[in-house]
Amino acid sequence: MTRFEWDAEKDRLNQRKHGAGFLLARYAFADPRRVIAEDVAHSSEEERFFCIGWVGDGILTVRFTYRGEVIRIIGAGYWRKGKQLYEERNRIHG
């Protein structure tokens, strides 16, 4: 079973700013067509990644890192760039 963690205050701020909580963001990892990509812009101190997956009514982008066997969620939102990458990788045309 995959384990997740996050900072509670960052989760609250993320919900206000981007409308997506980290509890919901976990579901992006369950999408069998999810896309995992390296976050090269924010990987200076530790490797960071994006998980882009279908959650609810849209495609959610989750920024995360690995802390041992745990996935630490850093941010999440329904961002256009993530949606474009998901559609390209899954050959979805809308």
N, C-alpha and C. Protein backbone atom coordinates (compact mmCIF):
# COMPACT_ATOMS: atom_id res chain seq x y z
N MET A 1 0.82 -1.18 0.00
CA MET A 1 0.00 0.00 0.00
C MET A 1 0.88 1.26 0.00
N THR A 2 0.57 2.19 -0.86
CA THR A 2 1.33 3.42 -0.96
C THR A 2 0.99 4.34 0.20
N ARG A 3 2.02 4.94 0.79
CA ARG A 3 1.81 5.88 1.88
C ARG A 3 2.11 7.29 1.40
N PHE A 4 1.34 8.25 1.90
CA PHE A 4 1.49 9.65 1.54
C PHE A 4 1.65 10.48 2.80
N GLU A 5 2.32 11.62 2.65
CA GLU A 5 2.41 12.60 3.73
C GLU A 5 2.46 13.99 3.11
N TRP A 6 2.17 14.98 3.93
CA TRP A 6 2.24 16.38 3.49
C TRP A 6 2.19 17.27 4.72
N ASP A 7 2.53 18.51 4.50
CA ASP A 7 2.45 19.52 5.54
C ASP A 7 1.02 20.06 5.58
N ALA A 8 0.39 20.02 6.74
CA ALA A 8 -1.02 20.42 6.87
C ALA A 8 -1.24 21.88 6.50
N GLU A 9 -0.34 22.76 6.91
CA GLU A 9 -0.50 24.19 6.58
C GLU A 9 -0.37 24.42 5.07
N LYS A 10 0.59 23.74 4.46
CA LYS A 10 0.76 23.85 3.01
C LYS A 10 -0.49 23.34 2.28
N ASP A 11 -1.10 22.29 2.81
CA ASP A 11 -2.34 21.76 2.24
C ASP A 11 -3.44 22.82 2.28
N ARG A 12 -3.60 23.47 3.42
CA ARG A 12 -4.62 24.52 3.54
C ARG A 12 -4.36 25.66 2.56
N LEU A 13 -3.13 26.10 2.47
CA LEU A 13 -2.78 27.17 1.53
C LEU A 13 -3.03 26.74 0.08
N ASN A 14 -2.67 25.51 -0.23
CA ASN A 14 -2.87 24.99 -1.58
C ASN A 14 -4.35 24.93 -1.94
N GLN A 15 -5.19 24.53 -0.98
CA GLN A 15 -6.63 24.48 -1.23
C GLN A 15 -7.18 25.86 -1.54
N ARG A 16 -6.72 26.86 -0.79
CA ARG A 16 -7.19 28.23 -1.04
C ARG A 16 -6.69 28.76 -2.38
N LYS A 17 -5.44 28.49 -2.70
CA LYS A 17 -4.83 29.05 -3.91
C LYS A 17 -5.22 28.30 -5.18
N HIS A 18 -5.26 26.96 -5.10
CA HIS A 18 -5.46 26.15 -6.31
C HIS A 18 -6.72 25.31 -6.31
N GLY A 19 -7.46 25.31 -5.21
CA GLY A 19 -8.72 24.58 -5.16
C GLY A 19 -8.60 23.07 -5.11
N ALA A 20 -7.44 22.57 -4.71
CA ALA A 20 -7.22 21.12 -4.64
C ALA A 20 -6.50 20.78 -3.35
N GLY A 21 -7.10 19.91 -2.55
CA GLY A 21 -6.46 19.46 -1.33
C GLY A 21 -5.59 18.24 -1.58
N PHE A 22 -4.67 18.01 -0.67
CA PHE A 22 -3.72 16.91 -0.84
C PHE A 22 -4.37 15.54 -0.61
N LEU A 23 -5.41 15.48 0.20
CA LEU A 23 -6.13 14.22 0.37
C LEU A 23 -6.72 13.78 -0.97
N LEU A 24 -7.31 14.71 -1.69
CA LEU A 24 -7.84 14.45 -3.03
C LEU A 24 -6.72 14.13 -4.02
N ALA A 25 -5.60 14.83 -3.88
CA ALA A 25 -4.48 14.68 -4.82
C ALA A 25 -3.94 13.25 -4.88
N ARG A 26 -4.09 12.50 -3.80
CA ARG A 26 -3.62 11.10 -3.79
C ARG A 26 -4.24 10.28 -4.91
N TYR A 27 -5.46 10.63 -5.31
CA TYR A 27 -6.16 9.84 -6.33
C TYR A 27 -5.54 9.94 -7.71
N ALA A 28 -4.74 10.96 -7.96
CA ALA A 28 -4.04 11.06 -9.25
C ALA A 28 -3.12 9.86 -9.46
N PHE A 29 -2.56 9.35 -8.37
CA PHE A 29 -1.64 8.21 -8.45
C PHE A 29 -2.38 6.91 -8.78
N ALA A 30 -3.68 6.87 -8.56
CA ALA A 30 -4.48 5.67 -8.83
C ALA A 30 -4.93 5.58 -10.28
N ASP A 31 -4.80 6.66 -11.04
CA ASP A 31 -5.20 6.65 -12.45
C ASP A 31 -4.25 5.74 -13.22
N PRO A 32 -4.76 4.68 -13.85
CA PRO A 32 -3.87 3.77 -14.59
C PRO A 32 -3.17 4.45 -15.78
N ARG A 33 -3.68 5.58 -16.23
CA ARG A 33 -3.05 6.31 -17.34
C ARG A 33 -2.27 7.53 -16.87
N ARG A 34 -1.99 7.58 -15.57
CA ARG A 34 -1.27 8.73 -15.02
C ARG A 34 0.08 8.91 -15.73
N VAL A 35 0.57 10.13 -15.68
CA VAL A 35 1.87 10.46 -16.25
C VAL A 35 2.76 10.93 -15.10
N ILE A 36 3.96 10.37 -15.01
CA ILE A 36 4.95 10.81 -14.03
C ILE A 36 6.07 11.49 -14.81
N ALA A 37 6.38 12.73 -14.42
CA ALA A 37 7.44 13.49 -15.10
C ALA A 37 8.31 14.16 -14.06
N GLU A 38 9.58 14.32 -14.37
CA GLU A 38 10.49 14.99 -13.44
C GLU A 38 10.22 16.50 -13.45
N ASP A 39 10.24 17.10 -12.30
CA ASP A 39 10.07 18.54 -12.14
C ASP A 39 11.47 19.16 -12.11
N VAL A 40 12.03 19.42 -13.28
CA VAL A 40 13.41 19.91 -13.35
C VAL A 40 13.55 21.33 -12.83
N ALA A 41 12.49 22.11 -12.84
CA ALA A 41 12.56 23.50 -12.39
C ALA A 41 12.69 23.60 -10.87
N HIS A 42 12.24 22.60 -10.13
CA HIS A 42 12.24 22.67 -8.68
C HIS A 42 13.02 21.52 -8.04
N SER A 43 14.00 20.98 -8.74
CA SER A 43 14.71 19.79 -8.24
C SER A 43 16.14 20.10 -7.81
N SER A 44 16.41 21.29 -7.29
CA SER A 44 17.79 21.62 -6.94
C SER A 44 18.27 20.93 -5.67
N GLU A 45 17.43 20.85 -4.64
CA GLU A 45 17.85 20.23 -3.39
C GLU A 45 17.48 18.75 -3.29
N GLU A 46 16.38 18.37 -3.90
CA GLU A 46 15.96 16.97 -3.92
C GLU A 46 15.18 16.75 -5.22
N GLU A 47 15.16 15.50 -5.67
CA GLU A 47 14.40 15.19 -6.88
C GLU A 47 12.91 15.41 -6.62
N ARG A 48 12.29 16.11 -7.55
CA ARG A 48 10.84 16.33 -7.47
C ARG A 48 10.21 15.88 -8.77
N PHE A 49 8.94 15.53 -8.67
CA PHE A 49 8.22 14.97 -9.81
C PHE A 49 6.81 15.53 -9.87
N PHE A 50 6.19 15.31 -11.03
CA PHE A 50 4.77 15.58 -11.22
C PHE A 50 4.07 14.25 -11.45
N CYS A 51 2.93 14.07 -10.83
CA CYS A 51 2.01 12.99 -11.17
C CYS A 51 0.78 13.67 -11.74
N ILE A 52 0.44 13.33 -12.95
CA ILE A 52 -0.69 13.94 -13.63
C ILE A 52 -1.71 12.84 -13.89
N GLY A 53 -2.88 12.98 -13.28
CA GLY A 53 -3.88 11.93 -13.40
C GLY A 53 -5.29 12.47 -13.32
N TRP A 54 -6.22 11.65 -13.78
CA TRP A 54 -7.64 12.02 -13.80
C TRP A 54 -8.20 11.89 -12.38
N VAL A 55 -8.74 12.99 -11.87
CA VAL A 55 -9.35 13.02 -10.53
C VAL A 55 -10.63 13.83 -10.62
N GLY A 56 -11.74 13.24 -10.22
CA GLY A 56 -13.01 13.96 -10.26
C GLY A 56 -13.39 14.32 -11.68
N ASP A 57 -13.57 15.59 -11.93
CA ASP A 57 -14.00 16.06 -13.25
C ASP A 57 -12.87 16.58 -14.11
N GLY A 58 -11.62 16.37 -13.71
CA GLY A 58 -10.53 16.93 -14.49
C GLY A 58 -9.21 16.23 -14.26
N ILE A 59 -8.19 16.78 -14.88
CA ILE A 59 -6.85 16.22 -14.81
C ILE A 59 -6.06 17.04 -13.79
N LEU A 60 -5.64 16.38 -12.73
CA LEU A 60 -4.97 17.02 -11.62
C LEU A 60 -3.47 16.80 -11.72
N THR A 61 -2.70 17.86 -11.51
CA THR A 61 -1.24 17.77 -11.48
C THR A 61 -0.80 17.85 -10.02
N VAL A 62 0.00 16.88 -9.60
CA VAL A 62 0.48 16.81 -8.23
C VAL A 62 2.00 16.89 -8.24
N ARG A 63 2.56 17.88 -7.54
CA ARG A 63 4.01 17.96 -7.39
C ARG A 63 4.37 17.18 -6.13
N PHE A 64 5.40 16.31 -6.23
CA PHE A 64 5.75 15.46 -5.09
C PHE A 64 7.21 15.07 -5.12
N THR A 65 7.65 14.48 -4.02
CA THR A 65 8.97 13.91 -3.91
C THR A 65 8.85 12.59 -3.15
N TYR A 66 9.90 11.80 -3.21
CA TYR A 66 9.93 10.56 -2.44
C TYR A 66 10.76 10.79 -1.19
N ARG A 67 10.24 10.38 -0.05
CA ARG A 67 10.98 10.39 1.21
C ARG A 67 11.01 8.95 1.69
N GLY A 68 12.03 8.23 1.26
CA GLY A 68 12.09 6.79 1.54
C GLY A 68 10.98 6.10 0.77
N GLU A 69 10.11 5.41 1.47
CA GLU A 69 9.00 4.68 0.86
C GLU A 69 7.71 5.50 0.82
N VAL A 70 7.80 6.76 1.21
CA VAL A 70 6.62 7.62 1.34
C VAL A 70 6.63 8.67 0.23
N ILE A 71 5.46 8.92 -0.33
CA ILE A 71 5.30 10.01 -1.31
C ILE A 71 4.89 11.25 -0.53
N ARG A 72 5.71 12.29 -0.61
CA ARG A 72 5.40 13.56 0.06
C ARG A 72 4.84 14.53 -0.97
N ILE A 73 3.58 14.91 -0.79
CA ILE A 73 2.92 15.83 -1.71
C ILE A 73 3.31 17.26 -1.35
N ILE A 74 3.69 18.02 -2.37
CA ILE A 74 4.17 19.39 -2.19
C ILE A 74 3.16 20.41 -2.71
N GLY A 75 2.44 20.06 -3.76
CA GLY A 75 1.46 20.97 -4.34
C GLY A 75 0.56 20.22 -5.30
N ALA A 76 -0.60 20.82 -5.60
CA ALA A 76 -1.54 20.19 -6.54
C ALA A 76 -2.47 21.24 -7.11
N GLY A 77 -2.88 21.01 -8.36
CA GLY A 77 -3.83 21.91 -8.99
C GLY A 77 -4.25 21.39 -10.35
N TYR A 78 -5.32 21.96 -10.85
CA TYR A 78 -5.82 21.63 -12.18
C TYR A 78 -5.19 22.61 -13.17
N TRP A 79 -3.92 22.38 -13.51
CA TRP A 79 -3.14 23.29 -14.33
C TRP A 79 -3.14 22.86 -15.79
N ARG A 80 -3.19 23.84 -16.69
CA ARG A 80 -3.25 23.58 -18.14
C ARG A 80 -2.08 22.77 -18.66
N LYS A 81 -0.87 23.08 -18.21
CA LYS A 81 0.30 22.36 -18.72
C LYS A 81 0.23 20.87 -18.39
N GLY A 82 -0.22 20.55 -17.19
CA GLY A 82 -0.37 19.14 -16.82
C GLY A 82 -1.41 18.46 -17.67
N LYS A 83 -2.52 19.16 -17.92
CA LYS A 83 -3.59 18.60 -18.75
C LYS A 83 -3.07 18.34 -20.17
N GLN A 84 -2.30 19.28 -20.72
CA GLN A 84 -1.76 19.09 -22.06
C GLN A 84 -0.84 17.88 -22.13
N LEU A 85 0.04 17.73 -21.15
CA LEU A 85 0.96 16.60 -21.14
C LEU A 85 0.21 15.28 -21.01
N TYR A 86 -0.80 15.25 -20.14
CA TYR A 86 -1.61 14.04 -19.97
C TYR A 86 -2.29 13.67 -21.29
N GLU A 87 -2.88 14.64 -21.94
CA GLU A 87 -3.57 14.37 -23.20
C GLU A 87 -2.61 13.93 -24.29
N GLU A 88 -1.43 14.54 -24.35
CA GLU A 88 -0.42 14.13 -25.35
C GLU A 88 0.04 12.70 -25.11
N ARG A 89 0.36 12.38 -23.88
CA ARG A 89 0.87 11.04 -23.55
C ARG A 89 -0.19 9.96 -23.73
N ASN A 90 -1.46 10.32 -23.54
CA ASN A 90 -2.54 9.37 -23.67
C ASN A 90 -3.29 9.51 -24.99
N ARG A 91 -2.79 10.37 -25.86
CA ARG A 91 -3.37 10.62 -27.19
C ARG A 91 -4.87 10.92 -27.13
N ILE A 92 -5.18 11.86 -26.25
CA ILE A 92 -6.57 12.31 -26.12
C ILE A 92 -6.70 13.61 -26.89
N HIS A 93 -7.71 13.70 -27.69
CA HIS A 93 -7.96 14.91 -28.46
C HIS A 93 -9.33 15.46 -28.07
N GLY A 94 -9.35 16.70 -27.61
CA GLY A 94 -10.60 17.28 -27.16
C GLY A 94 -10.91 18.43 -27.96
